[in-house]
Structures are given as C-alpha cells and as structure tokens.
PDB file of N, CA and C in Angstrom:
ATOM      1  N   MET A   1     106.259 118.850 110.366  1.00  0.00           N
ATOM      2  CA  MET A   1     107.467 119.616 110.150  1.00  0.00           C
ATOM      3  C   MET A   1     107.594 120.685 111.228  1.00  0.00           C
ATOM      4  N   SER A   2     108.737 120.781 111.835  1.00  0.00           N
ATOM      5  CA  SER A   2     108.968 121.740 112.909  1.00  0.00           C
ATOM      6  C   SER A   2     109.172 123.145 112.354  1.00  0.00           C
ATOM      7  N   ASN A   3     108.665 124.112 113.051  1.00  0.00           N
ATOM      8  CA  ASN A   3     108.821 125.514 112.671  1.00  0.00           C
ATOM      9  C   ASN A   3     109.824 126.238 113.563  1.00  0.00           C
ATOM     10  N   GLU A   4     110.571 125.492 114.358  1.00  0.00           N
ATOM     11  CA  GLU A   4     111.525 126.097 115.293  1.00  0.00           C
ATOM     12  C   GLU A   4     112.604 126.912 114.590  1.00  0.00           C
ATOM     13  N   TRP A   5     112.936 126.591 113.338  1.00  0.00           N
ATOM     14  CA  TRP A   5     113.964 127.327 112.603  1.00  0.00           C
ATOM     15  C   TRP A   5     113.613 128.803 112.476  1.00  0.00           C
ATOM     16  N   ARG A   6     112.328 129.141 112.488  1.00  0.00           N
ATOM     17  CA  ARG A   6     111.915 130.549 112.378  1.00  0.00           C
ATOM     18  C   ARG A   6     112.374 131.368 113.580  1.00  0.00           C
ATOM     19  N   LYS A   7     112.617 130.717 114.687  1.00  0.00           N
ATOM     20  CA  LYS A   7     113.080 131.420 115.893  1.00  0.00           C
ATOM     21  C   LYS A   7     114.572 131.730 115.819  1.00  0.00           C
ATOM     22  N   ASN A   8     115.278 131.183 114.833  1.00  0.00           N
ATOM     23  CA  ASN A   8     116.730 131.370 114.705  1.00  0.00           C
ATOM     24  C   ASN A   8     117.121 132.167 113.467  1.00  0.00           C
ATOM     25  N   LEU A   9     116.199 132.920 112.899  1.00  0.00           N
ATOM     26  CA  LEU A   9     116.524 133.752 111.744  1.00  0.00           C
ATOM     27  C   LEU A   9     117.532 134.818 112.148  1.00  0.00           C
ATOM     28  N   LYS A  10     118.355 135.258 111.162  1.00  0.00           N
ATOM     29  CA  LYS A  10     119.387 136.257 111.439  1.00  0.00           C
ATOM     30  C   LYS A  10     119.290 137.400 110.433  1.00  0.00           C
ATOM     31  N   VAL A  11     119.707 138.586 110.880  1.00  0.00           N
ATOM     32  CA  VAL A  11     119.788 139.737 109.980  1.00  0.00           C
ATOM     33  C   VAL A  11     120.717 139.366 108.824  1.00  0.00           C
ATOM     34  N   GLY A  12     120.311 139.678 107.610  1.00  0.00           N
ATOM     35  CA  GLY A  12     121.094 139.358 106.428  1.00  0.00           C
ATOM     36  C   GLY A  12     120.667 138.088 105.726  1.00  0.00           C
ATOM     37  N   ASP A  13     119.825 137.276 106.367  1.00  0.00           N
ATOM     38  CA  ASP A  13     119.336 136.062 105.705  1.00  0.00           C
ATOM     39  C   ASP A  13     118.494 136.429 104.484  1.00  0.00           C
ATOM     40  N   LEU A  14     118.694 135.709 103.384  1.00  0.00           N
ATOM     41  CA  LEU A  14     117.849 135.828 102.204  1.00  0.00           C
ATOM     42  C   LEU A  14     116.754 134.790 102.358  1.00  0.00           C
ATOM     43  N   VAL A  15     115.496 135.221 102.319  1.00  0.00           N
ATOM     44  CA  VAL A  15     114.385 134.319 102.587  1.00  0.00           C
ATOM     45  C   VAL A  15     113.350 134.372 101.474  1.00  0.00           C
ATOM     46  N   MET A  16     112.578 133.303 101.368  1.00  0.00           N
ATOM     47  CA  MET A  16     111.418 133.262 100.480  1.00  0.00           C
ATOM     48  C   MET A  16     110.202 133.451 101.376  1.00  0.00           C
ATOM     49  N   MET A  17     109.376 134.407 101.026  1.00  0.00           N
ATOM     50  CA  MET A  17     108.172 134.677 101.806  1.00  0.00           C
ATOM     51  C   MET A  17     107.029 133.791 101.309  1.00  0.00           C
ATOM     52  N   ARG A  18     106.021 133.599 102.114  1.00  0.00           N
ATOM     53  CA  ARG A  18     104.853 132.810 101.713  1.00  0.00           C
ATOM     54  C   ARG A  18     104.169 133.428 100.494  1.00  0.00           C
ATOM     55  N   SER A  19     104.355 134.726 100.293  1.00  0.00           N
ATOM     56  CA  SER A  19     103.758 135.424  99.144  1.00  0.00           C
ATOM     57  C   SER A  19     104.467 135.096  97.838  1.00  0.00           C
ATOM     58  N   GLY A  20     105.649 134.433  97.930  1.00  0.00           N
ATOM     59  CA  GLY A  20     106.414 134.100  96.741  1.00  0.00           C
ATOM     60  C   GLY A  20     107.512 135.094  96.424  1.00  0.00           C
ATOM     61  N   HIS A  21     107.639 136.156  97.235  1.00  0.00           N
ATOM     62  CA  HIS A  21     108.679 137.160  97.028  1.00  0.00           C
ATOM     63  C   HIS A  21     109.914 136.831  97.866  1.00  0.00           C
ATOM     64  N   MET A  22     111.097 137.167  97.321  1.00  0.00           N
ATOM     65  CA  MET A  22     112.329 137.019  98.085  1.00  0.00           C
ATOM     66  C   MET A  22     112.596 138.317  98.834  1.00  0.00           C
ATOM     67  N   ALA A  23     113.232 138.196 100.011  1.00  0.00           N
ATOM     68  CA  ALA A  23     113.538 139.370 100.819  1.00  0.00           C
ATOM     69  C   ALA A  23     114.780 139.118 101.647  1.00  0.00           C
ATOM     70  N   VAL A  24     115.433 140.210 102.049  1.00  0.00           N
ATOM     71  CA  VAL A  24     116.576 140.147 102.956  1.00  0.00           C
ATOM     72  C   VAL A  24     116.106 140.697 104.300  1.00  0.00           C
ATOM     73  N   LEU A  25     116.374 139.955 105.376  1.00  0.00           N
ATOM     74  CA  LEU A  25     115.968 140.400 106.709  1.00  0.00           C
ATOM     75  C   LEU A  25     116.888 141.517 107.179  1.00  0.00           C
ATOM     76  N   THR A  26     116.305 142.618 107.663  1.00  0.00           N
ATOM     77  CA  THR A  26     117.091 143.765 108.107  1.00  0.00           C
ATOM     78  C   THR A  26     117.033 143.977 109.614  1.00  0.00           C
ATOM     79  N   GLU A  27     116.039 143.408 110.273  1.00  0.00           N
ATOM     80  CA  GLU A  27     115.917 143.543 111.733  1.00  0.00           C
ATOM     81  C   GLU A  27     115.036 142.414 112.252  1.00  0.00           C
ATOM     82  N   ILE A  28     115.387 141.898 113.417  1.00  0.00           N
ATOM     83  CA  ILE A  28     114.607 140.821 114.038  1.00  0.00           C
ATOM     84  C   ILE A  28     114.462 141.154 115.511  1.00  0.00           C
ATOM     85  N   ASN A  29     113.236 141.106 116.025  1.00  0.00           N
ATOM     86  CA  ASN A  29     113.063 141.355 117.457  1.00  0.00           C
ATOM     87  C   ASN A  29     111.853 140.613 117.995  1.00  0.00           C
ATOM     88  N   TRP A  30     111.953 140.316 119.260  1.00  0.00           N
ATOM     89  CA  TRP A  30     110.843 139.721 119.994  1.00  0.00           C
ATOM     90  C   TRP A  30     110.112 140.867 120.657  1.00  0.00           C
ATOM     91  N   ARG A  31     108.839 140.961 120.481  1.00  0.00           N
ATOM     92  CA  ARG A  31     108.049 142.062 121.036  1.00  0.00           C
ATOM     93  C   ARG A  31     107.848 141.852 122.529  1.00  0.00           C
ATOM     94  N   ASP A  32     108.397 142.779 123.309  1.00  0.00           N
ATOM     95  CA  ASP A  32     108.296 142.708 124.770  1.00  0.00           C
ATOM     96  C   ASP A  32     106.852 142.864 125.231  1.00  0.00           C
ATOM     97  N   GLY A  33     106.484 142.059 126.200  1.00  0.00           N
ATOM     98  CA  GLY A  33     105.166 142.158 126.799  1.00  0.00           C
ATOM     99  C   GLY A  33     104.049 141.530 125.979  1.00  0.00           C
ATOM    100  N   ILE A  34     104.382 141.031 124.799  1.00  0.00           N
ATOM    101  CA  ILE A  34     103.369 140.387 123.961  1.00  0.00           C
ATOM    102  C   ILE A  34     103.745 138.917 123.827  1.00  0.00           C
ATOM    103  N   ASP A  35     102.791 138.058 124.112  1.00  0.00           N
ATOM    104  CA  ASP A  35     103.041 136.619 124.026  1.00  0.00           C
ATOM    105  C   ASP A  35     102.965 136.203 122.559  1.00  0.00           C
ATOM    106  N   VAL A  36     104.122 136.058 121.935  1.00  0.00           N
ATOM    107  CA  VAL A  36     104.183 135.652 120.532  1.00  0.00           C
ATOM    108  C   VAL A  36     105.046 134.408 120.400  1.00  0.00           C
ATOM    109  N   GLU A  37     104.722 133.596 119.413  1.00  0.00           N
ATOM    110  CA  GLU A  37     105.477 132.358 119.200  1.00  0.00           C
ATOM    111  C   GLU A  37     106.715 132.586 118.335  1.00  0.00           C
ATOM    112  N   TYR A  38     106.648 133.599 117.430  1.00  0.00           N
ATOM    113  CA  TYR A  38     107.750 133.864 116.508  1.00  0.00           C
ATOM    114  C   TYR A  38     108.133 135.341 116.575  1.00  0.00           C
ATOM    115  N   PRO A  39     109.382 135.661 116.245  1.00  0.00           N
ATOM    116  CA  PRO A  39     109.814 137.060 116.290  1.00  0.00           C
ATOM    117  C   PRO A  39     109.175 137.881 115.165  1.00  0.00           C
ATOM    118  N   HIS A  40     109.243 139.193 115.329  1.00  0.00           N
ATOM    119  CA  HIS A  40     108.803 140.136 114.306  1.00  0.00           C
ATOM    120  C   HIS A  40     110.026 140.493 113.470  1.00  0.00           C
ATOM    121  N   VAL A  41     109.885 140.540 112.154  1.00  0.00           N
ATOM    122  CA  VAL A  41     111.017 140.837 111.280  1.00  0.00           C
ATOM    123  C   VAL A  41     110.726 142.051 110.408  1.00  0.00           C
ATOM    124  N   LYS A  42     111.772 142.817 110.155  1.00  0.00           N
ATOM    125  CA  LYS A  42     111.722 143.870 109.145  1.00  0.00           C
ATOM    126  C   LYS A  42     112.557 143.356 107.988  1.00  0.00           C
ATOM    127  N   LEU A  43     112.148 143.718 106.780  1.00  0.00           N
ATOM    128  CA  LEU A  43     112.812 143.157 105.609  1.00  0.00           C
ATOM    129  C   LEU A  43     112.807 144.125 104.447  1.00  0.00           C
ATOM    130  N   ARG A  44     113.634 143.789 103.453  1.00  0.00           N
ATOM    131  CA  ARG A  44     113.720 144.555 102.209  1.00  0.00           C
ATOM    132  C   ARG A  44     113.479 143.561 101.087  1.00  0.00           C
ATOM    133  N   TYR A  45     112.404 143.784 100.305  1.00  0.00           N
ATOM    134  CA  TYR A  45     112.084 142.894  99.183  1.00  0.00           C
ATOM    135  C   TYR A  45     113.090 143.089  98.065  1.00  0.00           C
ATOM    136  N   THR A  46     113.517 141.989  97.445  1.00  0.00           N
ATOM    137  CA  THR A  46     114.552 142.062  96.408  1.00  0.00           C
ATOM    138  C   THR A  46     114.001 142.464  95.044  1.00  0.00           C
ATOM    139  N   ASP A  47     112.714 142.262  94.800  1.00  0.00           N
ATOM    140  CA  ASP A  47     112.178 142.565  93.472  1.00  0.00           C
ATOM    141  C   ASP A  47     111.976 144.055  93.220  1.00  0.00           C
ATOM    142  N   ASP A  48     111.663 144.838  94.261  1.00  0.00           N
ATOM    143  CA  ASP A  48     111.437 146.267  94.045  1.00  0.00           C
ATOM    144  C   ASP A  48     112.088 147.155  95.108  1.00  0.00           C
ATOM    145  N   ASP A  49     112.906 146.576  95.987  1.00  0.00           N
ATOM    146  CA  ASP A  49     113.627 147.300  97.034  1.00  0.00           C
ATOM    147  C   ASP A  49     112.705 148.005  98.022  1.00  0.00           C
ATOM    148  N   SER A  50     111.458 147.546  98.136  1.00  0.00           N
ATOM    149  CA  SER A  50     110.552 148.134  99.121  1.00  0.00           C
ATOM    150  C   SER A  50     110.761 147.460 100.473  1.00  0.00           C
ATOM    151  N   GLY A  51     110.416 148.174 101.523  1.00  0.00           N
ATOM    152  CA  GLY A  51     110.543 147.645 102.870  1.00  0.00           C
ATOM    153  C   GLY A  51     109.236 147.069 103.355  1.00  0.00           C
ATOM    154  N   GLY A  52     109.327 146.316 104.434  1.00  0.00           N
ATOM    155  CA  GLY A  52     108.131 145.748 105.029  1.00  0.00           C
ATOM    156  C   GLY A  52     108.446 145.149 106.377  1.00  0.00           C
ATOM    157  N   SER A  53     107.427 144.691 107.082  1.00  0.00           N
ATOM    158  CA  SER A  53     107.619 144.009 108.357  1.00  0.00           C
ATOM    159  C   SER A  53     106.451 143.058 108.579  1.00  0.00           C
ATOM    160  N   CYS A  54     106.723 141.993 109.327  1.00  0.00           N
ATOM    161  CA  CYS A  54     105.692 140.994 109.583  1.00  0.00           C
ATOM    162  C   CYS A  54     106.209 140.007 110.625  1.00  0.00           C
ATOM    163  N   SER A  55     105.364 139.065 110.977  1.00  0.00           N
ATOM    164  CA  SER A  55     105.772 137.964 111.844  1.00  0.00           C
ATOM    165  C   SER A  55     106.662 137.017 111.048  1.00  0.00           C
ATOM    166  N   ALA A  56     107.629 136.420 111.712  1.00  0.00           N
ATOM    167  CA  ALA A  56     108.493 135.442 111.049  1.00  0.00           C
ATOM    168  C   ALA A  56     107.686 134.249 110.548  1.00  0.00           C
ATOM    169  N   TRP A  57     106.450 134.087 110.986  1.00  0.00           N
ATOM    170  CA  TRP A  57     105.589 133.019 110.505  1.00  0.00           C
ATOM    171  C   TRP A  57     105.379 133.129 108.991  1.00  0.00           C
ATOM    172  N   ARG A  58     105.485 134.346 108.441  1.00  0.00           N
ATOM    173  CA  ARG A  58     105.257 134.560 107.004  1.00  0.00           C
ATOM    174  C   ARG A  58     106.460 134.184 106.154  1.00  0.00           C
ATOM    175  N   VAL A  59     107.587 133.830 106.795  1.00  0.00           N
ATOM    176  CA  VAL A  59     108.769 133.367 106.062  1.00  0.00           C
ATOM    177  C   VAL A  59     108.562 131.896 105.717  1.00  0.00           C
ATOM    178  N   LYS A  60     108.625 131.588 104.425  1.00  0.00           N
ATOM    179  CA  LYS A  60     108.412 130.210 103.973  1.00  0.00           C
ATOM    180  C   LYS A  60     109.669 129.363 104.150  1.00  0.00           C
ATOM    181  N   GLU A  61     110.848 129.933 103.758  1.00  0.00           N
ATOM    182  CA  GLU A  61     112.089 129.191 103.886  1.00  0.00           C
ATOM    183  C   GLU A  61     113.270 130.135 103.801  1.00  0.00           C
ATOM    184  N   VAL A  62     114.404 129.698 104.329  1.00  0.00           N
ATOM    185  CA  VAL A  62     115.652 130.442 104.233  1.00  0.00           C
ATOM    186  C   VAL A  62     116.376 129.942 102.987  1.00  0.00           C
ATOM    187  N   LEU A  63     116.683 130.871 102.077  1.00  0.00           N
ATOM    188  CA  LEU A  63     117.383 130.505 100.845  1.00  0.00           C
ATOM    189  C   LEU A  63     118.889 130.573 101.017  1.00  0.00           C
ATOM    190  N   SER A  64     119.363 131.543 101.801  1.00  0.00           N
ATOM    191  CA  SER A  64     120.794 131.714 102.037  1.00  0.00           C
ATOM    192  C   SER A  64     120.985 132.360 103.405  1.00  0.00           C
ATOM    193  N   GLU A  65     121.720 131.697 104.277  1.00  0.00           N
ATOM    194  CA  GLU A  65     121.932 132.214 105.621  1.00  0.00           C
ATOM    195  C   GLU A  65     123.008 133.285 105.645  1.00  0.00           C
ATOM    196  N   SER A  66     122.834 134.245 106.544  1.00  0.00           N
ATOM    197  CA  SER A  66     123.828 135.290 106.768  1.00  0.00           C
ATOM    198  C   SER A  66     125.070 134.654 107.375  1.00  0.00           C
ATOM    199  N   ARG A  67     126.224 135.192 107.068  1.00  0.00           N
ATOM    200  CA  ARG A  67     127.471 134.635 107.640  1.00  0.00           C
ATOM    201  C   ARG A  67     127.832 135.281 108.942  1.00  0.00           C
TER     202      ARG A  67
END
C-alpha cells in the first residue's frame, strides 16, 4: 500500500491517528534542512480539544478532506 497520500494532507482535514484518536490538521510544513519523507503536522484532537504535533506518518487515514 502506498503512503504517498500522506504528502498531500491539507489544513482542515479530519484524520484518524494511529493512536485511535480523531484530529483536525491545523498546520502542515516540510522541515527545511532536514531530510524527511513526510511533512510535520500540527493538529487539534477532537475528543478533548488538546493540541499536538507529529510526523504525518502517525496519520492512519483521512476521514474527511478539507474543501
């Protein structure tokens, strides 16, 4: 299964994380000067409204794409 879709995530996407929590992406960026395969994302968890950030590798699937 290809993981290329993780490179096309957009702000506002509702995603399921590998941890089993749903989150909305609030920022996506590629870290300059660091050789990374996937972008870094900032997000807001829907279950408790807490913030977080991680590699897009931790996103399991996109549940609803941003328009």
